[in-house]
Amino acid sequence: MSEKEYRLASAARGGLLYMRGVPGVALGDRVVVRDHSGRRRNGQVIRTSDAVVLIQVLEGTDNLDLERTWVRFLDQPFEVALSPDILGRVFNGLGLPRDERPPLFSKLKRNVNGAPVNPAARAYPREFIQTGISSIDGLNSLVRGQKLPIFSGSGLPHNRLAAQIVRQAKLPGEESHFAVVFVAMGVSYSDALFFRKTFADSGVLRNVVMFLNLADEPTIERLIMPRAALTVAEYLAFDLDLHVLVVMTDMTHYAEALREVATAKGDVPARKGYPGYLYSDLAEIYERAGRIREKHGSITMVPVVSMPSDDITHPIPDLTGYITEGQLVLSRNLNNLGIYPPVDIPPSLSRLMKDGIGKDHTREDHSRVASQLYASYARALEVRNLASIIGAEDLSEIDQDHLAFADAFERRFVGQREDEERSIIETLNLAWDILSLLPPQALTRLRATDLDKYHHWQSAAAGEK
């Protein structure tokens, strides 16, 4: 650690401090800024040259008297302390406690930027993770090592859904080896209180590591926060052999903080004012999820991405979709109907679902049931459009069955209580109950043996016979 302090600040704006004439400074070095009142602020070197060193001050540069500001370069990156005692703790974006408990003392500290992983050492994501939510488990199954984002609009219950996933997620048969790292960036005080209370009341907090950054706290802290959280996740997964689920809300707040710093630095803007390196920056975060050969643990990631103006082509969800393996899209229409969670089934997708379901993971009919639900719901939506034109009373009997199926599918299968946890077997049995509203001849994606075993034709006409 350097013992030298420099008083060479030439300018400060937008959370950035400009230093001149400082030799031997490395990109990414940690910095301590001491202002005229003795207050210490944390910083990081984000640009170096012979003429100027640019420092990102995490607590901001407000009220800095440049003539009486001292800067110490610590010759070390941002690090986070690691220990098995980290479970059950709550931290800020820098890894400092905010749960009124003592700091975590440990000899083991690691760079928040992580270490590169040889792509050849990665193992393919597999094994089903049960969230207890039918629209995810049944149709967009999550597997160990996957990155499955939630795309949401403003005002939709993505935080409630994220909290429910944290409370209920488990690996069937390996519950004792499961942990959660929860990251909340730029959330309101009420949301932060909701997260802490719901995890504590449900008893899962002891297996959760929380990182909280409130909306009125430094935005620049959000650039360190997901990296600190993922460093903790890597320790839990690859040192302690735990299966770790990382839930991050909201990556849009992270990207906006990145845009704010990039604009202050003078970087050339790209789409919507975001820097051209937004894709590679997001990839640095998302690609830290996964599995490593010969390691028992894994990191599975569920980032929440809010879409400005419900625009799924906005740069943040757009680029996230390229990096991750699918998406869960929340629907404003379903939310307006009072359906929770309002998962919009047609645009939602889990690209790795096929590798985590079936006979050895869930049940042997799972993939065919999911395919039939998709096909039948797509047909039912077409029938709804037709009914809006010609009227439901002029529809054929099979079309009216599809209308009944769509209503039951949305209300009973997609919709469930916030405190309701369904096992995968309960989800599949419920799917068969709803598919049984359709006659066997309409279920073309199922085998005859499936129909003989699970199907029970429930139409009103059949009931009269």
Protein backbone atom coordinates (compact mmCIF):
# COMPACT_ATOMS: atom_id res chain seq x y z
CA MET A 1 0.00 0.00 0.00
CA SER A 2 1.36 3.40 -0.95
CA GLU A 3 2.22 5.81 1.85
CA LYS A 4 2.17 8.81 -0.48
CA GLU A 5 -0.73 11.21 -0.75
CA TYR A 6 -1.07 13.60 -3.66
CA ARG A 7 -2.73 17.01 -3.78
CA LEU A 8 -2.80 17.34 -7.54
CA ALA A 9 -6.53 17.36 -8.33
CA SER A 10 -7.22 19.64 -11.30
CA ALA A 11 -10.98 19.17 -11.76
CA ALA A 12 -13.99 17.28 -10.41
CA ARG A 13 -17.32 16.70 -12.12
CA GLY A 14 -19.95 14.02 -12.39
CA GLY A 15 -18.35 11.78 -9.78
CA LEU A 16 -14.98 11.91 -11.55
CA LEU A 17 -11.76 13.41 -10.17
CA TYR A 18 -8.95 14.47 -12.52
CA MET A 19 -5.35 14.23 -11.27
CA ARG A 20 -2.25 15.48 -13.05
CA GLY A 21 1.39 14.44 -12.80
CA VAL A 22 0.94 11.18 -10.84
CA PRO A 23 3.45 8.50 -11.96
CA GLY A 24 3.10 4.71 -11.87
CA VAL A 25 -0.66 4.43 -11.51
CA ALA A 26 -2.34 1.28 -12.85
CA LEU A 27 -5.80 1.01 -14.35
CA GLY A 28 -8.27 -0.38 -11.80
CA ASP A 29 -6.22 0.60 -8.74
CA ARG A 30 -8.18 1.44 -5.61
CA VAL A 31 -7.99 5.02 -4.32
CA VAL A 32 -8.81 6.77 -1.04
CA VAL A 33 -9.80 10.44 -1.33
CA ARG A 34 -9.53 12.61 1.83
CA ASP A 35 -11.36 15.93 1.61
CA HIS A 36 -10.90 19.15 3.59
CA SER A 37 -13.16 17.94 6.42
CA GLY A 38 -11.27 14.66 6.86
CA ARG A 39 -14.01 12.56 5.27
CA ARG A 40 -12.71 9.59 3.30
CA ARG A 41 -14.20 8.54 0.00
CA ASN A 42 -13.48 5.43 -2.07
CA GLY A 43 -12.40 5.58 -5.67
CA GLN A 44 -11.00 3.60 -8.57
CA VAL A 45 -8.67 4.55 -11.41
CA ILE A 46 -10.59 4.25 -14.68
CA ARG A 47 -8.16 5.96 -17.08
CA THR A 48 -4.43 6.65 -17.02
CA SER A 49 -2.03 8.59 -19.23
CA ASP A 50 1.18 10.59 -18.86
CA ALA A 51 -0.83 13.79 -18.59
CA VAL A 52 -3.82 12.88 -16.41
CA VAL A 53 -5.23 10.15 -14.17
CA LEU A 54 -9.02 9.84 -14.03
CA ILE A 55 -10.56 8.58 -10.77
CA GLN A 56 -14.12 7.37 -10.31
CA VAL A 57 -15.18 8.50 -6.81
CA LEU A 58 -17.88 6.15 -5.57
CA GLU A 59 -19.38 8.55 -3.04
CA GLY A 60 -19.37 11.37 -5.60
CA THR A 61 -17.35 14.59 -5.82
CA ASP A 62 -19.86 16.99 -4.25
CA ASN A 63 -18.37 19.69 -1.97
CA LEU A 64 -14.76 18.80 -2.78
CA ASP A 65 -12.30 21.66 -2.25
CA LEU A 66 -9.66 20.75 -4.81
CA GLU A 67 -6.96 22.78 -3.07
CA ARG A 68 -7.47 20.76 0.13
CA THR A 69 -8.19 17.33 -1.35
CA TRP A 70 -5.63 14.58 -0.82
CA VAL A 71 -5.54 11.35 -2.82
CA ARG A 72 -3.79 8.11 -1.90
CA PHE A 73 -3.30 5.36 -4.50
CA LEU A 74 -3.38 1.99 -2.74
CA ASP A 75 -1.66 -0.05 -5.49
CA GLN A 76 -4.37 -2.72 -5.21
CA PRO A 77 -7.72 -3.46 -6.87
CA PHE A 78 -11.09 -3.50 -5.13
CA GLU A 79 -11.30 -6.68 -3.09
CA VAL A 80 -13.97 -8.39 -1.03
CA ALA A 81 -13.36 -10.44 2.13
CA LEU A 82 -14.54 -14.05 1.90
CA SER A 83 -15.51 -16.55 4.60
CA PRO A 84 -18.22 -19.19 5.20
CA ASP A 85 -19.67 -16.67 7.68
CA ILE A 86 -20.69 -14.46 4.76
CA LEU A 87 -24.02 -16.32 4.43
CA GLY A 88 -26.86 -14.47 6.12
CA ARG A 89 -25.12 -11.08 5.82
CA VAL A 90 -26.20 -7.82 4.14
CA PHE A 91 -23.64 -5.57 2.41
CA ASN A 92 -23.49 -2.40 0.38
CA GLY A 93 -22.03 -2.21 -3.12
CA LEU A 94 -18.44 -2.15 -1.83
CA GLY A 95 -18.87 -5.25 0.33
CA LEU A 96 -19.15 -3.27 3.58
CA PRO A 97 -21.75 -4.42 6.16
CA ARG A 98 -25.11 -2.68 6.35
CA ASP A 99 -26.79 -5.13 8.73
CA GLU A 100 -25.51 -3.54 11.99
CA ARG A 101 -23.13 -6.45 12.48
CA PRO A 102 -19.32 -6.34 12.65
CA PRO A 103 -17.27 -6.28 9.45
CA LEU A 104 -16.22 -9.62 8.02
CA PHE A 105 -12.58 -10.26 8.95
CA SER A 106 -10.80 -12.81 6.81
CA LYS A 107 -7.34 -13.37 5.42
CA LEU A 108 -8.92 -14.44 2.15
CA LYS A 109 -9.67 -11.49 -0.12
CA ARG A 110 -10.21 -11.54 -3.87
CA ASN A 111 -10.31 -9.02 -6.69
CA VAL A 112 -13.92 -8.15 -7.51
CA ASN A 113 -13.11 -8.39 -11.23
CA GLY A 114 -12.60 -12.13 -10.83
CA ALA A 115 -10.17 -14.39 -12.64
CA PRO A 116 -10.55 -15.50 -16.27
CA VAL A 117 -11.88 -19.00 -16.82
CA ASN A 118 -10.54 -21.17 -19.62
CA PRO A 119 -13.56 -21.79 -21.89
CA ALA A 120 -12.42 -25.40 -22.30
CA ALA A 121 -12.80 -25.88 -18.53
CA ARG A 122 -16.48 -24.96 -18.58
CA ALA A 123 -19.07 -27.70 -18.17
CA TYR A 124 -22.40 -27.66 -20.01
CA PRO A 125 -25.31 -26.36 -17.86
CA ARG A 126 -27.58 -29.19 -16.73
CA GLU A 127 -29.83 -30.33 -13.86
CA PHE A 128 -33.22 -28.84 -13.14
CA ILE A 129 -33.65 -26.06 -10.56
CA GLN A 130 -37.15 -25.91 -9.05
CA THR A 131 -38.49 -22.42 -8.40
CA GLY A 132 -41.99 -23.53 -7.34
CA ILE A 133 -43.47 -21.28 -10.07
CA SER A 134 -45.37 -23.20 -12.76
CA SER A 135 -44.79 -20.77 -15.63
CA ILE A 136 -41.04 -21.14 -15.07
CA ASP A 137 -40.70 -24.78 -14.02
CA GLY A 138 -43.20 -26.12 -16.54
CA LEU A 139 -42.50 -24.02 -19.62
CA ASN A 140 -39.20 -22.15 -19.16
CA SER A 141 -37.24 -24.45 -16.91
CA LEU A 142 -34.11 -23.15 -15.22
CA VAL A 143 -31.03 -25.39 -15.13
CA ARG A 144 -27.79 -25.27 -13.16
CA GLY A 145 -25.29 -22.87 -14.70
CA GLN A 146 -27.84 -21.05 -16.89
CA LYS A 147 -28.38 -17.31 -17.33
CA LEU A 148 -32.13 -16.64 -17.56
CA PRO A 149 -33.11 -12.93 -17.35
CA ILE A 150 -36.51 -11.47 -16.46
CA PHE A 151 -37.62 -8.71 -18.85
CA SER A 152 -40.12 -6.39 -17.18
CA GLY A 153 -41.83 -3.05 -17.67
CA SER A 154 -42.15 -0.22 -15.21
CA GLY A 155 -44.68 -0.97 -12.47
CA LEU A 156 -44.76 -4.72 -13.07
CA PRO A 157 -44.10 -7.03 -10.10
CA HIS A 158 -40.56 -8.13 -11.07
CA ASN A 159 -39.24 -7.48 -7.56
CA ARG A 160 -41.96 -9.64 -6.02
CA LEU A 161 -41.20 -12.38 -8.53
CA ALA A 162 -37.45 -12.13 -7.84
CA ALA A 163 -38.10 -12.40 -4.10
CA GLN A 164 -40.36 -15.42 -4.61
CA ILE A 165 -37.65 -17.16 -6.66
CA VAL A 166 -35.14 -16.51 -3.86
CA ARG A 167 -37.53 -17.91 -1.24
CA GLN A 168 -38.50 -21.03 -3.15
CA ALA A 169 -35.60 -22.02 -5.43
CA LYS A 170 -34.01 -25.37 -4.68
CA LEU A 171 -32.24 -28.29 -6.28
CA PRO A 172 -34.42 -31.37 -5.75
CA GLY A 173 -32.40 -33.75 -3.61
CA GLU A 174 -29.62 -31.25 -2.84
CA GLU A 175 -31.31 -28.53 -0.79
CA SER A 176 -28.47 -28.48 1.77
CA HIS A 177 -25.96 -27.45 -0.91
CA PHE A 178 -27.95 -24.47 -2.22
CA ALA A 179 -27.24 -20.77 -1.56
CA VAL A 180 -28.45 -17.45 -3.01
CA VAL A 181 -26.62 -14.21 -3.72
CA PHE A 182 -29.17 -11.40 -4.05
CA VAL A 183 -28.20 -8.04 -5.57
CA ALA A 184 -30.53 -5.00 -5.49
CA MET A 185 -29.24 -1.90 -7.30
CA GLY A 186 -30.92 1.48 -7.12
CA VAL A 187 -34.01 0.21 -5.29
CA SER A 188 -36.32 2.32 -3.15
CA TYR A 189 -36.17 2.16 0.64
CA SER A 190 -39.54 0.36 0.70
CA ASP A 191 -38.30 -2.28 -1.77
CA ALA A 192 -35.10 -2.81 0.24
CA LEU A 193 -37.19 -3.24 3.41
CA PHE A 194 -39.49 -5.67 1.57
CA PHE A 195 -36.56 -7.82 0.45
CA ARG A 196 -34.96 -7.96 3.89
CA LYS A 197 -38.25 -8.64 5.69
CA THR A 198 -39.49 -11.32 3.28
CA PHE A 199 -36.20 -13.23 3.39
CA ALA A 200 -36.00 -12.99 7.18
CA ASP A 201 -39.65 -14.00 7.73
CA SER A 202 -39.41 -16.98 5.37
CA GLY A 203 -36.25 -18.26 7.06
CA VAL A 204 -34.11 -18.28 3.90
CA LEU A 205 -31.90 -15.35 4.95
CA ARG A 206 -29.40 -17.71 6.57
CA ASN A 207 -28.61 -19.09 3.09
CA VAL A 208 -28.63 -15.69 1.35
CA VAL A 209 -25.92 -13.06 0.87
CA MET A 210 -27.56 -9.68 0.15
CA PHE A 211 -26.06 -6.64 -1.55
CA LEU A 212 -28.21 -3.50 -1.32
CA ASN A 213 -27.81 -0.10 -2.99
CA LEU A 214 -30.63 2.40 -2.49
CA ALA A 215 -31.85 4.83 -5.13
CA ASP A 216 -30.46 7.86 -3.25
CA GLU A 217 -27.03 6.28 -2.74
CA PRO A 218 -24.07 6.76 -5.10
CA THR A 219 -24.91 5.54 -8.60
CA ILE A 220 -21.26 4.80 -9.32
CA GLU A 221 -21.28 2.22 -6.50
CA ARG A 222 -23.54 0.15 -8.77
CA LEU A 223 -20.61 -0.46 -11.14
CA ILE A 224 -18.70 -2.33 -8.40
CA MET A 225 -21.72 -4.04 -6.83
CA PRO A 226 -22.48 -6.90 -9.27
CA ARG A 227 -18.78 -7.73 -9.52
CA ALA A 228 -18.40 -7.89 -5.73
CA ALA A 229 -21.50 -10.11 -5.52
CA LEU A 230 -20.24 -12.46 -8.23
CA THR A 231 -16.88 -12.74 -6.47
CA VAL A 232 -18.80 -13.97 -3.42
CA ALA A 233 -20.80 -16.34 -5.63
CA GLU A 234 -17.61 -17.79 -7.14
CA TYR A 235 -16.20 -18.39 -3.67
CA LEU A 236 -19.38 -20.15 -2.49
CA ALA A 237 -19.60 -22.23 -5.67
CA PHE A 238 -16.03 -23.21 -6.42
CA ASP A 239 -14.42 -23.10 -2.95
CA LEU A 240 -17.32 -24.33 -0.79
CA ASP A 241 -18.95 -26.52 -3.49
CA LEU A 242 -22.39 -24.90 -3.16
CA HIS A 243 -24.91 -24.47 -5.94
CA VAL A 244 -25.43 -20.71 -6.07
CA LEU A 245 -28.33 -18.78 -7.56
CA VAL A 246 -27.51 -15.13 -8.28
CA VAL A 247 -30.54 -12.83 -8.60
CA MET A 248 -29.76 -9.25 -9.69
CA THR A 249 -32.29 -6.43 -9.88
CA ASP A 250 -32.14 -4.17 -11.79
CA MET A 251 -29.51 -4.35 -14.55
CA THR A 252 -31.03 -1.28 -16.19
CA HIS A 253 -29.89 0.77 -13.18
CA TYR A 254 -26.40 -0.68 -13.64
CA ALA A 255 -26.37 0.26 -17.35
CA GLU A 256 -27.58 3.78 -16.58
CA ALA A 257 -24.73 4.21 -14.07
CA LEU A 258 -22.32 3.00 -16.74
CA ARG A 259 -23.75 5.54 -19.21
CA GLU A 260 -23.41 8.32 -16.64
CA VAL A 261 -19.71 7.59 -16.09
CA ALA A 262 -19.03 7.08 -19.80
CA THR A 263 -20.60 10.44 -20.63
CA ALA A 264 -18.55 12.18 -17.93
CA LYS A 265 -15.37 10.55 -19.31
CA GLY A 266 -16.18 11.75 -22.79
CA ASP A 267 -16.61 8.30 -24.34
CA VAL A 268 -18.30 8.24 -27.73
CA PRO A 269 -21.97 7.34 -27.23
CA ALA A 270 -23.77 4.65 -29.22
CA ARG A 271 -27.46 3.62 -29.13
CA LYS A 272 -29.58 5.68 -26.71
CA GLY A 273 -26.41 7.36 -25.39
CA TYR A 274 -24.98 4.14 -23.92
CA PRO A 275 -21.28 3.54 -24.57
CA GLY A 276 -20.27 1.28 -27.42
CA TYR A 277 -18.72 -1.16 -24.97
CA LEU A 278 -22.05 -1.83 -23.17
CA TYR A 279 -22.22 -5.30 -24.75
CA SER A 280 -18.75 -6.37 -23.59
CA ASP A 281 -19.33 -4.83 -20.15
CA LEU A 282 -22.57 -6.77 -19.64
CA ALA A 283 -20.88 -9.92 -20.95
CA GLU A 284 -18.14 -9.55 -18.31
CA ILE A 285 -20.88 -9.85 -15.68
CA TYR A 286 -23.19 -12.44 -17.23
CA GLU A 287 -20.42 -14.81 -18.33
CA ARG A 288 -19.22 -15.28 -14.75
CA ALA A 289 -22.16 -17.66 -14.33
CA GLY A 290 -21.79 -21.31 -15.24
CA ARG A 291 -20.16 -24.56 -14.23
CA ILE A 292 -16.51 -25.67 -14.23
CA ARG A 293 -15.37 -29.21 -14.91
CA GLU A 294 -14.36 -31.21 -11.82
CA LYS A 295 -16.05 -28.62 -9.56
CA HIS A 296 -19.20 -29.69 -7.76
CA GLY A 297 -20.61 -26.16 -7.33
CA SER A 298 -22.25 -23.96 -9.95
CA ILE A 299 -23.47 -20.40 -10.50
CA THR A 300 -26.92 -19.84 -12.02
CA MET A 301 -27.99 -16.27 -12.77
CA VAL A 302 -31.41 -14.59 -12.97
CA PRO A 303 -30.89 -10.88 -13.76
CA VAL A 304 -33.90 -8.55 -13.84
CA VAL A 305 -33.92 -6.07 -16.74
CA SER A 306 -36.58 -3.36 -16.77
CA MET A 307 -37.48 -2.24 -20.28
CA PRO A 308 -37.97 1.54 -20.71
CA SER A 309 -41.37 2.14 -22.36
CA ASP A 310 -41.87 -1.67 -22.44
CA ASP A 311 -39.47 -1.73 -25.41
CA ILE A 312 -37.86 -5.16 -25.70
CA THR A 313 -35.59 -3.81 -28.47
CA HIS A 314 -34.06 -1.25 -26.06
CA PRO A 315 -30.25 -1.72 -25.94
CA ILE A 316 -30.17 -3.26 -22.45
CA PRO A 317 -32.71 -6.12 -22.95
CA ASP A 318 -31.58 -6.46 -26.56
CA LEU A 319 -27.91 -7.03 -25.68
CA THR A 320 -28.83 -9.12 -22.64
CA GLY A 321 -30.79 -11.44 -24.93
CA TYR A 322 -27.71 -12.04 -27.08
CA ILE A 323 -25.57 -13.02 -24.08
CA THR A 324 -28.00 -15.09 -22.02
CA GLU A 325 -29.85 -18.35 -22.70
CA GLY A 326 -33.44 -17.18 -22.96
CA GLN A 327 -35.74 -14.75 -21.19
CA LEU A 328 -38.87 -14.51 -19.04
CA VAL A 329 -41.04 -11.64 -20.29
CA LEU A 330 -43.65 -10.08 -18.00
CA SER A 331 -46.96 -9.00 -19.55
CA ARG A 332 -48.74 -5.77 -18.72
CA ASN A 333 -52.04 -7.19 -20.03
CA LEU A 334 -51.91 -10.19 -17.68
CA ASN A 335 -50.92 -7.91 -14.82
CA ASN A 336 -53.94 -5.68 -15.53
CA LEU A 337 -56.13 -8.79 -15.30
CA GLY A 338 -54.80 -9.43 -11.79
CA ILE A 339 -52.76 -12.48 -12.79
CA TYR A 340 -49.55 -13.04 -10.81
CA PRO A 341 -46.88 -13.72 -11.88
CA PRO A 342 -47.78 -12.11 -15.23
CA VAL A 343 -45.37 -14.18 -17.34
CA ASP A 344 -46.07 -13.66 -21.05
CA ILE A 345 -45.71 -17.20 -22.38
CA PRO A 346 -45.27 -16.75 -26.19
CA PRO A 347 -42.12 -14.55 -26.08
CA SER A 348 -40.63 -16.31 -23.04
CA LEU A 349 -37.99 -18.94 -23.68
CA SER A 350 -35.43 -21.11 -21.92
CA ARG A 351 -32.90 -22.33 -24.48
CA LEU A 352 -31.37 -24.88 -22.11
CA MET A 353 -34.67 -26.29 -20.81
CA LYS A 354 -34.33 -29.49 -22.86
CA ASP A 355 -31.12 -30.42 -21.03
CA GLY A 356 -32.61 -30.21 -17.53
CA ILE A 357 -35.97 -31.95 -17.88
CA GLY A 358 -37.21 -35.42 -18.70
CA LYS A 359 -37.11 -38.85 -17.12
CA ASP A 360 -33.92 -38.39 -15.09
CA HIS A 361 -34.70 -34.84 -13.89
CA THR A 362 -38.44 -34.06 -13.74
CA ARG A 363 -40.83 -36.51 -15.44
CA GLU A 364 -40.62 -38.29 -18.77
CA ASP A 365 -43.64 -36.44 -20.28
CA HIS A 366 -42.38 -32.94 -19.36
CA SER A 367 -41.02 -31.85 -22.74
CA ARG A 368 -44.11 -33.04 -24.64
CA VAL A 369 -46.49 -31.40 -22.15
CA ALA A 370 -44.61 -28.09 -22.43
CA SER A 371 -44.70 -28.28 -26.24
CA GLN A 372 -48.43 -29.00 -26.22
CA LEU A 373 -49.17 -26.15 -23.80
CA TYR A 374 -47.31 -23.72 -26.07
CA ALA A 375 -49.10 -24.97 -29.19
CA SER A 376 -52.56 -25.00 -27.62
CA TYR A 377 -52.14 -21.54 -26.08
CA ALA A 378 -50.93 -20.11 -29.40
CA ARG A 379 -54.02 -21.56 -31.09
CA ALA A 380 -56.25 -20.21 -28.30
CA LEU A 381 -54.86 -16.69 -28.79
CA GLU A 382 -55.75 -16.90 -32.49
CA VAL A 383 -59.27 -17.98 -31.54
CA ARG A 384 -59.55 -15.03 -29.15
CA ASN A 385 -58.71 -12.65 -31.97
CA LEU A 386 -61.30 -14.32 -34.16
CA ALA A 387 -63.92 -14.13 -31.39
CA SER A 388 -63.30 -10.40 -31.03
CA ILE A 389 -64.32 -10.02 -34.67
CA ILE A 390 -67.21 -12.43 -35.18
CA GLY A 391 -68.29 -13.08 -31.59
CA ALA A 392 -67.67 -16.13 -29.39
CA GLU A 393 -71.18 -17.53 -30.00
CA ASP A 394 -70.38 -18.14 -33.69
CA LEU A 395 -67.27 -20.17 -32.97
CA SER A 396 -67.10 -23.92 -33.50
CA GLU A 397 -67.20 -26.25 -30.51
CA ILE A 398 -63.47 -26.95 -30.66
CA ASP A 399 -62.74 -23.22 -30.82
CA GLN A 400 -64.89 -22.63 -27.75
CA ASP A 401 -62.92 -25.37 -26.00
CA HIS A 402 -59.74 -23.45 -26.85
CA LEU A 403 -61.21 -20.28 -25.35
CA ALA A 404 -61.98 -22.16 -22.12
CA PHE A 405 -58.44 -23.60 -22.20
CA ALA A 406 -56.87 -20.12 -22.55
CA ASP A 407 -58.78 -18.74 -19.58
CA ALA A 408 -57.93 -21.73 -17.39
CA PHE A 409 -54.30 -21.70 -18.53
CA GLU A 410 -53.83 -18.04 -17.59
CA ARG A 411 -55.79 -18.12 -14.34
CA ARG A 412 -54.82 -21.52 -12.96
CA PHE A 413 -51.45 -22.44 -14.50
CA VAL A 414 -49.68 -19.11 -15.06
CA GLY A 415 -51.41 -17.47 -12.12
CA GLN A 416 -50.62 -18.57 -8.59
CA ARG A 417 -50.42 -17.01 -5.16
CA GLU A 418 -47.26 -15.21 -4.13
CA ASP A 419 -46.85 -17.61 -1.20
CA GLU A 420 -47.73 -20.72 -3.23
CA GLU A 421 -44.93 -23.14 -3.99
CA ARG A 422 -45.68 -25.95 -6.45
CA SER A 423 -43.45 -28.95 -6.97
CA ILE A 424 -42.67 -29.91 -10.56
CA ILE A 425 -44.98 -32.91 -10.25
CA GLU A 426 -47.83 -30.65 -9.08
CA THR A 427 -47.10 -28.33 -12.01
CA LEU A 428 -47.22 -31.17 -14.56
CA ASN A 429 -50.41 -32.63 -13.06
CA LEU A 430 -52.03 -29.19 -13.20
CA ALA A 431 -50.95 -28.90 -16.84
CA TRP A 432 -52.74 -32.17 -17.62
CA ASP A 433 -55.89 -30.96 -15.83
CA ILE A 434 -55.96 -27.92 -18.11
CA LEU A 435 -55.04 -29.85 -21.27
CA SER A 436 -57.97 -32.15 -20.49
CA LEU A 437 -60.27 -29.25 -21.39
CA LEU A 438 -59.34 -30.05 -24.99
CA PRO A 439 -60.35 -33.26 -26.82
CA PRO A 440 -57.62 -35.83 -27.50
CA GLN A 441 -57.64 -35.14 -31.26
CA ALA A 442 -56.54 -31.53 -30.57
CA LEU A 443 -53.46 -32.66 -28.64
CA THR A 444 -51.15 -33.57 -31.52
CA ARG A 445 -47.84 -33.17 -29.65
CA LEU A 446 -48.53 -35.85 -27.07
CA ARG A 447 -48.09 -39.60 -27.36
CA ALA A 448 -50.98 -42.02 -27.17
CA THR A 449 -49.44 -43.48 -24.02
CA ASP A 450 -49.41 -40.00 -22.45
CA LEU A 451 -53.09 -39.52 -23.22
CA ASP A 452 -54.02 -42.94 -21.88
CA LYS A 453 -52.17 -42.28 -18.62
CA TYR A 454 -52.94 -38.63 -17.84
CA HIS A 455 -55.72 -37.23 -20.06
CA HIS A 456 -59.31 -36.97 -18.82
CA TRP A 457 -61.60 -35.19 -21.29
CA GLN A 458 -63.50 -32.48 -19.41
CA SER A 459 -65.56 -30.60 -21.99
CA ALA A 460 -69.11 -29.64 -21.11
CA ALA A 461 -70.40 -31.62 -24.09
CA ALA A 462 -68.54 -34.73 -22.94
CA GLY A 463 -69.90 -34.28 -19.45
CA GLU A 464 -73.49 -34.29 -20.77
CA LYS A 465 -72.85 -37.59 -22.52
